[in-house]
Structure formats: C-alpha cells, structure tokens
Amino acid sequence: MEELTFGTMIAVFEEMFGRGLFWALVVAAVAVTAAYVYVLVRDRSLSMRKYLVAQIAMPFGAIAAVIFVLAITNSTMRDIGGPVDLIVFLGIAVMGAVGAAILVYTVQSLIRGRDIA
C-alpha cells in the first residue's frame, strides 16, 4: 500500500468487517447523525438533563466499541503490538463514547420531546 486514499480505507474496512456489516454501520451512523441534527434544529438548544444522561452512557459506549472491534477482528488484548495499536484502540474507544452519547441524547429527545424550562 503506497498511498493512503479514501478508496483504500474503504477497501480495508470492507475486508476487516465484511462488506455487508461495514455498509450497515455506515448507514446506521448516517441515520443517527441525521436524527441528531434534526433534534438540534427542532429544539434549538441542548437540554442539559439529557446531555448529562448521554455523558453517563459514554464509558459504556467506549467499552462496547472496543469489544465489538475485538470480536469482529478475532483479536485479543494480547495482540496489541505497540504504541500505534494502543493509539488505535484509544481512538476506537473515543469514537464509541461519542457515538453512544449522540445516540442516547437523540433517542431521549425523540422519545421525550422537547424540554420546557
């Protein structure tokens, strides 16, 4: 691999996760992001109560993301080979935490509706 292009990254992720699972994850991420933007535009402000609950969900999202990637790639924590692997795992955990927070906030807003101050 001489160049790191967008197409190369898609091919790597399709190989790693499988074509169906990868594109299902992309569709799910786009759907949750669109719902989050809809909630933000609809409410015109963040609810601090919902935001707090979303933050509480962040550690669970981080752990779930790391476990998911370890299960999909058929790896264990013993396979971590160096600092780059640790940085990748930390990146996966951060993305899982942020994704969980966005998902929880969005679901709360769609179920409960707008908070009235």
PDB file of N, CA and C in Angstrom:
ATOM      1  N   MET A   1       0.849  -1.159   0.000  1.00  0.00           N
ATOM      2  CA  MET A   1       0.000   0.000   0.000  1.00  0.00           C
ATOM      3  C   MET A   1       0.903   1.232   0.000  1.00  0.00           C
ATOM      4  N   GLU A   2       1.000   1.879  -1.149  1.00  0.00           N
ATOM      5  CA  GLU A   2       1.868   3.031  -1.276  1.00  0.00           C
ATOM      6  C   GLU A   2       1.163   4.329  -0.919  1.00  0.00           C
ATOM      7  N   GLU A   3      -0.137   4.411  -1.185  1.00  0.00           N
ATOM      8  CA  GLU A   3      -0.886   5.619  -0.899  1.00  0.00           C
ATOM      9  C   GLU A   3      -2.038   5.311   0.036  1.00  0.00           C
ATOM     10  N   LEU A   4      -2.326   6.252   0.905  1.00  0.00           N
ATOM     11  CA  LEU A   4      -3.467   6.123   1.793  1.00  0.00           C
ATOM     12  C   LEU A   4      -4.577   7.012   1.242  1.00  0.00           C
ATOM     13  N   THR A   5      -5.464   6.406   0.466  1.00  0.00           N
ATOM     14  CA  THR A   5      -6.555   7.151  -0.143  1.00  0.00           C
ATOM     15  C   THR A   5      -7.874   6.737   0.498  1.00  0.00           C
ATOM     16  N   PHE A   6      -8.922   7.494   0.217  1.00  0.00           N
ATOM     17  CA  PHE A   6     -10.247   7.185   0.742  1.00  0.00           C
ATOM     18  C   PHE A   6     -10.711   5.819   0.253  1.00  0.00           C
ATOM     19  N   GLY A   7     -10.484   5.523  -1.009  1.00  0.00           N
ATOM     20  CA  GLY A   7     -10.863   4.223  -1.570  1.00  0.00           C
ATOM     21  C   GLY A   7     -10.120   3.073  -0.912  1.00  0.00           C
ATOM     22  N   THR A   8      -8.862   3.293  -0.600  1.00  0.00           N
ATOM     23  CA  THR A   8      -8.073   2.268   0.075  1.00  0.00           C
ATOM     24  C   THR A   8      -8.617   2.001   1.470  1.00  0.00           C
ATOM     25  N   MET A   9      -8.976   3.073   2.173  1.00  0.00           N
ATOM     26  CA  MET A   9      -9.522   2.911   3.518  1.00  0.00           C
ATOM     27  C   MET A   9     -10.854   2.159   3.494  1.00  0.00           C
ATOM     28  N   ILE A  10     -11.701   2.459   2.504  1.00  0.00           N
ATOM     29  CA  ILE A  10     -12.973   1.740   2.377  1.00  0.00           C
ATOM     30  C   ILE A  10     -12.708   0.258   2.114  1.00  0.00           C
ATOM     31  N   ALA A  11     -11.758  -0.030   1.248  1.00  0.00           N
ATOM     32  CA  ALA A  11     -11.428  -1.425   0.943  1.00  0.00           C
ATOM     33  C   ALA A  11     -10.911  -2.153   2.183  1.00  0.00           C
ATOM     34  N   VAL A  12     -10.093  -1.474   2.995  1.00  0.00           N
ATOM     35  CA  VAL A  12      -9.566  -2.086   4.218  1.00  0.00           C
ATOM     36  C   VAL A  12     -10.695  -2.374   5.200  1.00  0.00           C
ATOM     37  N   PHE A  13     -11.596  -1.404   5.386  1.00  0.00           N
ATOM     38  CA  PHE A  13     -12.709  -1.613   6.313  1.00  0.00           C
ATOM     39  C   PHE A  13     -13.670  -2.679   5.812  1.00  0.00           C
ATOM     40  N   GLU A  14     -13.912  -2.734   4.505  1.00  0.00           N
ATOM     41  CA  GLU A  14     -14.765  -3.793   3.956  1.00  0.00           C
ATOM     42  C   GLU A  14     -14.135  -5.161   4.178  1.00  0.00           C
ATOM     43  N   GLU A  15     -12.831  -5.246   4.039  1.00  0.00           N
ATOM     44  CA  GLU A  15     -12.139  -6.518   4.259  1.00  0.00           C
ATOM     45  C   GLU A  15     -12.167  -6.897   5.738  1.00  0.00           C
ATOM     46  N   MET A  16     -12.015  -5.910   6.609  1.00  0.00           N
ATOM     47  CA  MET A  16     -11.943  -6.169   8.037  1.00  0.00           C
ATOM     48  C   MET A  16     -13.312  -6.555   8.612  1.00  0.00           C
ATOM     49  N   PHE A  17     -14.354  -5.799   8.269  1.00  0.00           N
ATOM     50  CA  PHE A  17     -15.676  -6.028   8.841  1.00  0.00           C
ATOM     51  C   PHE A  17     -16.578  -6.885   7.960  1.00  0.00           C
ATOM     52  N   GLY A  18     -16.247  -7.022   6.715  1.00  0.00           N
ATOM     53  CA  GLY A  18     -17.152  -7.652   5.761  1.00  0.00           C
ATOM     54  C   GLY A  18     -17.975  -6.557   5.093  1.00  0.00           C
ATOM     55  N   ARG A  19     -18.263  -6.735   3.826  1.00  0.00           N
ATOM     56  CA  ARG A  19     -18.941  -5.692   3.061  1.00  0.00           C
ATOM     57  C   ARG A  19     -20.310  -5.327   3.648  1.00  0.00           C
ATOM     58  N   GLY A  20     -21.117  -6.312   3.993  1.00  0.00           N
ATOM     59  CA  GLY A  20     -22.462  -6.043   4.494  1.00  0.00           C
ATOM     60  C   GLY A  20     -22.460  -5.305   5.824  1.00  0.00           C
ATOM     61  N   LEU A  21     -21.658  -5.790   6.779  1.00  0.00           N
ATOM     62  CA  LEU A  21     -21.603  -5.161   8.095  1.00  0.00           C
ATOM     63  C   LEU A  21     -21.046  -3.744   7.999  1.00  0.00           C
ATOM     64  N   PHE A  22     -20.003  -3.548   7.203  1.00  0.00           N
ATOM     65  CA  PHE A  22     -19.416  -2.213   7.076  1.00  0.00           C
ATOM     66  C   PHE A  22     -20.437  -1.206   6.564  1.00  0.00           C
ATOM     67  N   TRP A  23     -21.148  -1.554   5.494  1.00  0.00           N
ATOM     68  CA  TRP A  23     -22.105  -0.601   4.929  1.00  0.00           C
ATOM     69  C   TRP A  23     -23.325  -0.446   5.827  1.00  0.00           C
ATOM     70  N   ALA A  24     -23.686  -1.481   6.576  1.00  0.00           N
ATOM     71  CA  ALA A  24     -24.772  -1.337   7.555  1.00  0.00           C
ATOM     72  C   ALA A  24     -24.370  -0.357   8.658  1.00  0.00           C
ATOM     73  N   LEU A  25     -23.108  -0.427   9.098  1.00  0.00           N
ATOM     74  CA  LEU A  25     -22.612   0.521  10.095  1.00  0.00           C
ATOM     75  C   LEU A  25     -22.591   1.945   9.555  1.00  0.00           C
ATOM     76  N   VAL A  26     -22.212   2.101   8.292  1.00  0.00           N
ATOM     77  CA  VAL A  26     -22.208   3.434   7.674  1.00  0.00           C
ATOM     78  C   VAL A  26     -23.625   3.990   7.613  1.00  0.00           C
ATOM     79  N   VAL A  27     -24.585   3.168   7.178  1.00  0.00           N
ATOM     80  CA  VAL A  27     -25.984   3.614   7.096  1.00  0.00           C
ATOM     81  C   VAL A  27     -26.505   3.971   8.486  1.00  0.00           C
ATOM     82  N   ALA A  28     -26.192   3.165   9.493  1.00  0.00           N
ATOM     83  CA  ALA A  28     -26.633   3.453  10.859  1.00  0.00           C
ATOM     84  C   ALA A  28     -26.033   4.763  11.367  1.00  0.00           C
ATOM     85  N   ALA A  29     -24.761   4.988  11.088  1.00  0.00           N
ATOM     86  CA  ALA A  29     -24.113   6.228  11.522  1.00  0.00           C
ATOM     87  C   ALA A  29     -24.738   7.447  10.847  1.00  0.00           C
ATOM     88  N   VAL A  30     -25.039   7.337   9.564  1.00  0.00           N
ATOM     89  CA  VAL A  30     -25.672   8.446   8.843  1.00  0.00           C
ATOM     90  C   VAL A  30     -27.079   8.697   9.386  1.00  0.00           C
ATOM     91  N   ALA A  31     -27.828   7.635   9.678  1.00  0.00           N
ATOM     92  CA  ALA A  31     -29.192   7.787  10.205  1.00  0.00           C
ATOM     93  C   ALA A  31     -29.187   8.447  11.578  1.00  0.00           C
ATOM     94  N   VAL A  32     -28.299   8.018  12.461  1.00  0.00           N
ATOM     95  CA  VAL A  32     -28.229   8.603  13.801  1.00  0.00           C
ATOM     96  C   VAL A  32     -27.772  10.059  13.717  1.00  0.00           C
ATOM     97  N   THR A  33     -26.824  10.346  12.847  1.00  0.00           N
ATOM     98  CA  THR A  33     -26.364  11.725  12.681  1.00  0.00           C
ATOM     99  C   THR A  33     -27.477  12.618  12.145  1.00  0.00           C
ATOM    100  N   ALA A  34     -28.230  12.126  11.180  1.00  0.00           N
ATOM    101  CA  ALA A  34     -29.350  12.909  10.635  1.00  0.00           C
ATOM    102  C   ALA A  34     -30.412  13.146  11.708  1.00  0.00           C
ATOM    103  N   ALA A  35     -30.705  12.136  12.513  1.00  0.00           N
ATOM    104  CA  ALA A  35     -31.676  12.298  13.594  1.00  0.00           C
ATOM    105  C   ALA A  35     -31.173  13.296  14.636  1.00  0.00           C
ATOM    106  N   TYR A  36     -29.880  13.273  14.934  1.00  0.00           N
ATOM    107  CA  TYR A  36     -29.290  14.212  15.895  1.00  0.00           C
ATOM    108  C   TYR A  36     -29.385  15.652  15.382  1.00  0.00           C
ATOM    109  N   VAL A  37     -29.074  15.839  14.123  1.00  0.00           N
ATOM    110  CA  VAL A  37     -29.187  17.180  13.533  1.00  0.00           C
ATOM    111  C   VAL A  37     -30.645  17.640  13.556  1.00  0.00           C
ATOM    112  N   TYR A  38     -31.570  16.732  13.250  1.00  0.00           N
ATOM    113  CA  TYR A  38     -32.996  17.064  13.300  1.00  0.00           C
ATOM    114  C   TYR A  38     -33.392  17.512  14.703  1.00  0.00           C
ATOM    115  N   VAL A  39     -32.942  16.782  15.729  1.00  0.00           N
ATOM    116  CA  VAL A  39     -33.280  17.122  17.109  1.00  0.00           C
ATOM    117  C   VAL A  39     -32.695  18.482  17.484  1.00  0.00           C
ATOM    118  N   LEU A  40     -31.466  18.735  17.080  1.00  0.00           N
ATOM    119  CA  LEU A  40     -30.843  20.023  17.402  1.00  0.00           C
ATOM    120  C   LEU A  40     -31.576  21.180  16.728  1.00  0.00           C
ATOM    121  N   VAL A  41     -31.979  20.997  15.480  1.00  0.00           N
ATOM    122  CA  VAL A  41     -32.696  22.050  14.766  1.00  0.00           C
ATOM    123  C   VAL A  41     -34.093  22.225  15.362  1.00  0.00           C
ATOM    124  N   ARG A  42     -34.758  21.126  15.679  1.00  0.00           N
ATOM    125  CA  ARG A  42     -36.106  21.185  16.247  1.00  0.00           C
ATOM    126  C   ARG A  42     -36.122  21.867  17.605  1.00  0.00           C
ATOM    127  N   ASP A  43     -35.176  21.495  18.474  1.00  0.00           N
ATOM    128  CA  ASP A  43     -35.179  22.015  19.845  1.00  0.00           C
ATOM    129  C   ASP A  43     -34.486  23.375  19.962  1.00  0.00           C
ATOM    130  N   ARG A  44     -33.599  23.689  19.067  1.00  0.00           N
ATOM    131  CA  ARG A  44     -32.846  24.955  19.033  1.00  0.00           C
ATOM    132  C   ARG A  44     -31.964  25.187  20.252  1.00  0.00           C
ATOM    133  N   SER A  45     -31.772  24.147  21.051  1.00  0.00           N
ATOM    134  CA  SER A  45     -30.864  24.239  22.192  1.00  0.00           C
ATOM    135  C   SER A  45     -30.608  22.833  22.719  1.00  0.00           C
ATOM    136  N   LEU A  46     -29.547  22.712  23.516  1.00  0.00           N
ATOM    137  CA  LEU A  46     -29.246  21.435  24.159  1.00  0.00           C
ATOM    138  C   LEU A  46     -29.927  21.383  25.517  1.00  0.00           C
ATOM    139  N   SER A  47     -30.457  20.239  25.853  1.00  0.00           N
ATOM    140  CA  SER A  47     -31.021  20.017  27.182  1.00  0.00           C
ATOM    141  C   SER A  47     -29.904  19.467  28.062  1.00  0.00           C
ATOM    142  N   MET A  48     -29.596  20.181  29.123  1.00  0.00           N
ATOM    143  CA  MET A  48     -28.501  19.749  29.990  1.00  0.00           C
ATOM    144  C   MET A  48     -28.837  18.442  30.716  1.00  0.00           C
ATOM    145  N   ARG A  49     -30.100  18.207  31.009  1.00  0.00           N
ATOM    146  CA  ARG A  49     -30.502  16.953  31.658  1.00  0.00           C
ATOM    147  C   ARG A  49     -30.242  15.770  30.725  1.00  0.00           C
ATOM    148  N   LYS A  50     -30.661  15.901  29.476  1.00  0.00           N
ATOM    149  CA  LYS A  50     -30.435  14.826  28.500  1.00  0.00           C
ATOM    150  C   LYS A  50     -28.951  14.669  28.208  1.00  0.00           C
ATOM    151  N   TYR A  51     -28.231  15.784  28.194  1.00  0.00           N
ATOM    152  CA  TYR A  51     -26.797  15.765  27.930  1.00  0.00           C
ATOM    153  C   TYR A  51     -26.056  15.021  29.045  1.00  0.00           C
ATOM    154  N   LEU A  52     -26.499  15.211  30.297  1.00  0.00           N
ATOM    155  CA  LEU A  52     -25.872  14.505  31.416  1.00  0.00           C
ATOM    156  C   LEU A  52     -26.075  13.004  31.310  1.00  0.00           C
ATOM    157  N   VAL A  53     -27.287  12.588  30.990  1.00  0.00           N
ATOM    158  CA  VAL A  53     -27.555  11.157  30.832  1.00  0.00           C
ATOM    159  C   VAL A  53     -26.726  10.594  29.673  1.00  0.00           C
ATOM    160  N   ALA A  54     -26.603  11.377  28.598  1.00  0.00           N
ATOM    161  CA  ALA A  54     -25.797  10.945  27.454  1.00  0.00           C
ATOM    162  C   ALA A  54     -24.330  10.788  27.853  1.00  0.00           C
ATOM    163  N   GLN A  55     -23.834  11.675  28.715  1.00  0.00           N
ATOM    164  CA  GLN A  55     -22.448  11.559  29.165  1.00  0.00           C
ATOM    165  C   GLN A  55     -22.244  10.325  30.045  1.00  0.00           C
ATOM    166  N   ILE A  56     -23.251   9.974  30.799  1.00  0.00           N
ATOM    167  CA  ILE A  56     -23.146   8.775  31.637  1.00  0.00           C
ATOM    168  C   ILE A  56     -23.020   7.525  30.766  1.00  0.00           C
ATOM    169  N   ALA A  57     -23.594   7.568  29.574  1.00  0.00           N
ATOM    170  CA  ALA A  57     -23.526   6.419  28.664  1.00  0.00           C
ATOM    171  C   ALA A  57     -22.183   6.301  27.943  1.00  0.00           C
ATOM    172  N   MET A  58     -21.357   7.328  28.010  1.00  0.00           N
ATOM    173  CA  MET A  58     -20.105   7.330  27.238  1.00  0.00           C
ATOM    174  C   MET A  58     -19.145   6.189  27.590  1.00  0.00           C
ATOM    175  N   PRO A  59     -18.880   5.901  28.859  1.00  0.00           N
ATOM    176  CA  PRO A  59     -17.957   4.789  29.140  1.00  0.00           C
ATOM    177  C   PRO A  59     -18.461   3.445  28.609  1.00  0.00           C
ATOM    178  N   PHE A  60     -19.776   3.246  28.664  1.00  0.00           N
ATOM    179  CA  PHE A  60     -20.335   2.007  28.143  1.00  0.00           C
ATOM    180  C   PHE A  60     -20.163   1.921  26.631  1.00  0.00           C
ATOM    181  N   GLY A  61     -20.301   3.048  25.942  1.00  0.00           N
ATOM    182  CA  GLY A  61     -20.086   3.080  24.500  1.00  0.00           C
ATOM    183  C   GLY A  61     -18.642   2.812  24.135  1.00  0.00           C
ATOM    184  N   ALA A  62     -17.713   3.346  24.927  1.00  0.00           N
ATOM    185  CA  ALA A  62     -16.288   3.119  24.674  1.00  0.00           C
ATOM    186  C   ALA A  62     -15.938   1.641  24.830  1.00  0.00           C
ATOM    187  N   ILE A  63     -16.415   1.040  25.899  1.00  0.00           N
ATOM    188  CA  ILE A  63     -16.135  -0.374  26.144  1.00  0.00           C
ATOM    189  C   ILE A  63     -16.782  -1.241  25.069  1.00  0.00           C
ATOM    190  N   ALA A  64     -18.027  -0.920  24.720  1.00  0.00           N
ATOM    191  CA  ALA A  64     -18.732  -1.704  23.697  1.00  0.00           C
ATOM    192  C   ALA A  64     -18.028  -1.614  22.344  1.00  0.00           C
ATOM    193  N   ALA A  65     -17.511  -0.432  21.991  1.00  0.00           N
ATOM    194  CA  ALA A  65     -16.822  -0.282  20.711  1.00  0.00           C
ATOM    195  C   ALA A  65     -15.551  -1.128  20.667  1.00  0.00           C
ATOM    196  N   VAL A  66     -14.787  -1.114  21.741  1.00  0.00           N
ATOM    197  CA  VAL A  66     -13.546  -1.906  21.775  1.00  0.00           C
ATOM    198  C   VAL A  66     -13.872  -3.399  21.724  1.00  0.00           C
ATOM    199  N   ILE A  67     -14.862  -3.834  22.486  1.00  0.00           N
ATOM    200  CA  ILE A  67     -15.247  -5.253  22.470  1.00  0.00           C
ATOM    201  C   ILE A  67     -15.743  -5.655  21.087  1.00  0.00           C
ATOM    202  N   PHE A  68     -16.545  -4.779  20.453  1.00  0.00           N
ATOM    203  CA  PHE A  68     -17.063  -5.053  19.110  1.00  0.00           C
ATOM    204  C   PHE A  68     -15.917  -5.234  18.112  1.00  0.00           C
ATOM    205  N   VAL A  69     -14.960  -4.334  18.130  1.00  0.00           N
ATOM    206  CA  VAL A  69     -13.844  -4.430  17.179  1.00  0.00           C
ATOM    207  C   VAL A  69     -12.991  -5.663  17.473  1.00  0.00           C
ATOM    208  N   LEU A  70     -12.772  -5.972  18.736  1.00  0.00           N
ATOM    209  CA  LEU A  70     -12.006  -7.179  19.062  1.00  0.00           C
ATOM    210  C   LEU A  70     -12.734  -8.430  18.593  1.00  0.00           C
ATOM    211  N   ALA A  71     -14.056  -8.451  18.726  1.00  0.00           N
ATOM    212  CA  ALA A  71     -14.822  -9.624  18.295  1.00  0.00           C
ATOM    213  C   ALA A  71     -14.837  -9.759  16.775  1.00  0.00           C
ATOM    214  N   ILE A  72     -15.008  -8.647  16.079  1.00  0.00           N
ATOM    215  CA  ILE A  72     -15.092  -8.678  14.621  1.00  0.00           C
ATOM    216  C   ILE A  72     -13.742  -9.056  14.009  1.00  0.00           C
ATOM    217  N   THR A  73     -12.674  -8.535  14.569  1.00  0.00           N
ATOM    218  CA  THR A  73     -11.347  -8.811  14.002  1.00  0.00           C
ATOM    219  C   THR A  73     -10.737 -10.098  14.544  1.00  0.00           C
ATOM    220  N   ASN A  74     -11.457 -10.774  15.458  1.00  0.00           N
ATOM    221  CA  ASN A  74     -10.977 -12.026  16.031  1.00  0.00           C
ATOM    222  C   ASN A  74      -9.618 -11.835  16.698  1.00  0.00           C
ATOM    223  N   SER A  75      -9.514 -10.753  17.482  1.00  0.00           N
ATOM    224  CA  SER A  75      -8.278 -10.414  18.177  1.00  0.00           C
ATOM    225  C   SER A  75      -8.498 -10.466  19.674  1.00  0.00           C
ATOM    226  N   THR A  76      -7.405 -10.390  20.406  1.00  0.00           N
ATOM    227  CA  THR A  76      -7.464 -10.293  21.857  1.00  0.00           C
ATOM    228  C   THR A  76      -6.586  -9.130  22.284  1.00  0.00           C
ATOM    229  N   MET A  77      -6.667  -8.803  23.564  1.00  0.00           N
ATOM    230  CA  MET A  77      -5.820  -7.718  24.074  1.00  0.00           C
ATOM    231  C   MET A  77      -4.341  -8.114  24.043  1.00  0.00           C
ATOM    232  N   ARG A  78      -4.045  -9.402  23.999  1.00  0.00           N
ATOM    233  CA  ARG A  78      -2.652  -9.845  23.899  1.00  0.00           C
ATOM    234  C   ARG A  78      -2.038  -9.533  22.542  1.00  0.00           C
ATOM    235  N   ASP A  79      -2.879  -9.246  21.543  1.00  0.00           N
ATOM    236  CA  ASP A  79      -2.377  -8.976  20.200  1.00  0.00           C
ATOM    237  C   ASP A  79      -1.899  -7.543  20.014  1.00  0.00           C
ATOM    238  N   ILE A  80      -2.041  -6.710  21.042  1.00  0.00           N
ATOM    239  CA  ILE A  80      -1.565  -5.330  20.933  1.00  0.00           C
ATOM    240  C   ILE A  80      -0.049  -5.373  20.838  1.00  0.00           C
ATOM    241  N   GLY A  81       0.475  -4.788  19.746  1.00  0.00           N
ATOM    242  CA  GLY A  81       1.895  -4.921  19.475  1.00  0.00           C
ATOM    243  C   GLY A  81       2.746  -3.725  19.808  1.00  0.00           C
ATOM    244  N   GLY A  82       2.167  -2.585  20.008  1.00  0.00           N
ATOM    245  CA  GLY A  82       2.982  -1.416  20.274  1.00  0.00           C
ATOM    246  C   GLY A  82       2.143  -0.179  20.476  1.00  0.00           C
ATOM    247  N   PRO A  83       2.804   0.969  20.485  1.00  0.00           N
ATOM    248  CA  PRO A  83       2.108   2.226  20.748  1.00  0.00           C
ATOM    249  C   PRO A  83       1.043   2.570  19.699  1.00  0.00           C
ATOM    250  N   VAL A  84       1.276   2.209  18.466  1.00  0.00           N
ATOM    251  CA  VAL A  84       0.301   2.520  17.419  1.00  0.00           C
ATOM    252  C   VAL A  84      -0.992   1.748  17.657  1.00  0.00           C
ATOM    253  N   ASP A  85      -0.888   0.507  18.053  1.00  0.00           N
ATOM    254  CA  ASP A  85      -2.081  -0.284  18.358  1.00  0.00           C
ATOM    255  C   ASP A  85      -2.856   0.321  19.527  1.00  0.00           C
ATOM    256  N   LEU A  86      -2.137   0.789  20.529  1.00  0.00           N
ATOM    257  CA  LEU A  86      -2.790   1.420  21.673  1.00  0.00           C
ATOM    258  C   LEU A  86      -3.499   2.708  21.253  1.00  0.00           C
ATOM    259  N   ILE A  87      -2.871   3.479  20.394  1.00  0.00           N
ATOM    260  CA  ILE A  87      -3.499   4.709  19.891  1.00  0.00           C
ATOM    261  C   ILE A  87      -4.755   4.380  19.100  1.00  0.00           C
ATOM    262  N   VAL A  88      -4.714   3.327  18.301  1.00  0.00           N
ATOM    263  CA  VAL A  88      -5.897   2.908  17.536  1.00  0.00           C
ATOM    264  C   VAL A  88      -7.012   2.485  18.490  1.00  0.00           C
ATOM    265  N   PHE A  89      -6.683   1.715  19.522  1.00  0.00           N
ATOM    266  CA  PHE A  89      -7.695   1.297  20.491  1.00  0.00           C
ATOM    267  C   PHE A  89      -8.295   2.494  21.232  1.00  0.00           C
ATOM    268  N   LEU A  90      -7.465   3.459  21.588  1.00  0.00           N
ATOM    269  CA  LEU A  90      -7.976   4.664  22.239  1.00  0.00           C
ATOM    270  C   LEU A  90      -8.884   5.446  21.294  1.00  0.00           C
ATOM    271  N   GLY A  91      -8.516   5.495  20.014  1.00  0.00           N
ATOM    272  CA  GLY A  91      -9.374   6.160  19.031  1.00  0.00           C
ATOM    273  C   GLY A  91     -10.716   5.463  18.887  1.00  0.00           C
ATOM    274  N   ILE A  92     -10.700   4.141  18.877  1.00  0.00           N
ATOM    275  CA  ILE A  92     -11.945   3.370  18.796  1.00  0.00           C
ATOM    276  C   ILE A  92     -12.804   3.643  20.033  1.00  0.00           C
ATOM    277  N   ALA A  93     -12.171   3.685  21.191  1.00  0.00           N
ATOM    278  CA  ALA A  93     -12.918   3.949  22.426  1.00  0.00           C
ATOM    279  C   ALA A  93     -13.528   5.345  22.413  1.00  0.00           C
ATOM    280  N   VAL A  94     -12.786   6.327  21.966  1.00  0.00           N
ATOM    281  CA  VAL A  94     -13.304   7.702  21.900  1.00  0.00           C
ATOM    282  C   VAL A  94     -14.476   7.783  20.929  1.00  0.00           C
ATOM    283  N   MET A  95     -14.333   7.155  19.760  1.00  0.00           N
ATOM    284  CA  MET A  95     -15.439   7.177  18.791  1.00  0.00           C
ATOM    285  C   MET A  95     -16.668   6.449  19.342  1.00  0.00           C
ATOM    286  N   GLY A  96     -16.458   5.356  20.054  1.00  0.00           N
ATOM    287  CA  GLY A  96     -17.578   4.650  20.667  1.00  0.00           C
ATOM    288  C   GLY A  96     -18.257   5.481  21.738  1.00  0.00           C
ATOM    289  N   ALA A  97     -17.472   6.198  22.524  1.00  0.00           N
ATOM    290  CA  ALA A  97     -18.032   7.042  23.579  1.00  0.00           C
ATOM    291  C   ALA A  97     -18.856   8.189  22.990  1.00  0.00           C
ATOM    292  N   VAL A  98     -18.306   8.852  22.003  1.00  0.00           N
ATOM    293  CA  VAL A  98     -19.024   9.966  21.368  1.00  0.00           C
ATOM    294  C   VAL A  98     -20.274   9.457  20.653  1.00  0.00           C
ATOM    295  N   GLY A  99     -20.149   8.335  19.969  1.00  0.00           N
ATOM    296  CA  GLY A  99     -21.302   7.756  19.288  1.00  0.00           C
ATOM    297  C   GLY A  99     -22.406   7.376  20.253  1.00  0.00           C
ATOM    298  N   ALA A 100     -22.039   6.810  21.393  1.00  0.00           N
ATOM    299  CA  ALA A 100     -23.038   6.441  22.404  1.00  0.00           C
ATOM    300  C   ALA A 100     -23.727   7.679  22.956  1.00  0.00           C
ATOM    301  N   ALA A 101     -22.956   8.730  23.204  1.00  0.00           N
ATOM    302  CA  ALA A 101     -23.550   9.963  23.725  1.00  0.00           C
ATOM    303  C   ALA A 101     -24.530  10.566  22.729  1.00  0.00           C
ATOM    304  N   ILE A 102     -24.159  10.609  21.467  1.00  0.00           N
ATOM    305  CA  ILE A 102     -25.053  11.151  20.447  1.00  0.00           C
ATOM    306  C   ILE A 102     -26.302  10.291  20.322  1.00  0.00           C
ATOM    307  N   LEU A 103     -26.121   8.972  20.322  1.00  0.00           N
ATOM    308  CA  LEU A 103     -27.267   8.060  20.211  1.00  0.00           C
ATOM    309  C   LEU A 103     -28.218   8.216  21.393  1.00  0.00           C
ATOM    310  N   VAL A 104     -27.690   8.234  22.611  1.00  0.00           N
ATOM    311  CA  VAL A 104     -28.533   8.342  23.801  1.00  0.00           C
ATOM    312  C   VAL A 104     -29.251   9.684  23.830  1.00  0.00           C
ATOM    313  N   TYR A 105     -28.556  10.766  23.527  1.00  0.00           N
ATOM    314  CA  TYR A 105     -29.190  12.086  23.508  1.00  0.00           C
ATOM    315  C   TYR A 105     -30.309  12.129  22.471  1.00  0.00           C
ATOM    316  N   THR A 106     -30.046  11.597  21.296  1.00  0.00           N
ATOM    317  CA  THR A 106     -31.040  11.610  20.218  1.00  0.00           C
ATOM    318  C   THR A 106     -32.260  10.782  20.584  1.00  0.00           C
ATOM    319  N   VAL A 107     -32.042   9.589  21.106  1.00  0.00           N
ATOM    320  CA  VAL A 107     -33.169   8.728  21.476  1.00  0.00           C
ATOM    321  C   VAL A 107     -34.008   9.387  22.572  1.00  0.00           C
ATOM    322  N   GLN A 108     -33.350   9.971  23.565  1.00  0.00           N
ATOM    323  CA  GLN A 108     -34.087  10.676  24.614  1.00  0.00           C
ATOM    324  C   GLN A 108     -34.934  11.804  24.038  1.00  0.00           C
ATOM    325  N   SER A 109     -34.359  12.573  23.136  1.00  0.00           N
ATOM    326  CA  SER A 109     -35.069  13.713  22.570  1.00  0.00           C
ATOM    327  C   SER A 109     -36.230  13.273  21.697  1.00  0.00           C
ATOM    328  N   LEU A 110     -36.054  12.179  20.981  1.00  0.00           N
ATOM    329  CA  LEU A 110     -37.143  11.702  20.125  1.00  0.00           C
ATOM    330  C   LEU A 110     -38.274  11.090  20.953  1.00  0.00           C
ATOM    331  N   ILE A 111     -37.940  10.436  22.066  1.00  0.00           N
ATOM    332  CA  ILE A 111     -38.959   9.795  22.894  1.00  0.00           C
ATOM    333  C   ILE A 111     -39.673  10.818  23.788  1.00  0.00           C
ATOM    334  N   ARG A 112     -38.906  11.605  24.505  1.00  0.00           N
ATOM    335  CA  ARG A 112     -39.485  12.538  25.467  1.00  0.00           C
ATOM    336  C   ARG A 112     -39.962  13.846  24.838  1.00  0.00           C
ATOM    337  N   GLY A 113     -39.397  14.215  23.728  1.00  0.00           N
ATOM    338  CA  GLY A 113     -39.728  15.502  23.138  1.00  0.00           C
ATOM    339  C   GLY A 113     -38.884  16.608  23.727  1.00  0.00           C
ATOM    340  N   ARG A 114     -39.304  17.809  23.488  1.00  0.00           N
ATOM    341  CA  ARG A 114     -38.542  18.996  23.891  1.00  0.00           C
ATOM    342  C   ARG A 114     -38.757  19.293  25.374  1.00  0.00           C
ATOM    343  N   ASP A 115     -37.662  19.619  26.098  1.00  0.00           N
ATOM    344  CA  ASP A 115     -37.773  20.022  27.489  1.00  0.00           C
ATOM    345  C   ASP A 115     -38.298  21.454  27.570  1.00  0.00           C
ATOM    346  N   ILE A 116     -39.200  21.683  28.481  1.00  0.00           N
ATOM    347  CA  ILE A 116     -39.726  23.039  28.686  1.00  0.00           C
ATOM    348  C   ILE A 116     -39.116  23.570  29.967  1.00  0.00           C
ATOM    349  N   ALA A 117     -38.450  24.686  29.857  1.00  0.00           N
ATOM    350  CA  ALA A 117     -37.738  25.249  31.002  1.00  0.00           C
ATOM    351  C   ALA A 117     -38.625  25.928  31.942  1.00  0.00           C
TER     352      ALA A 117
END
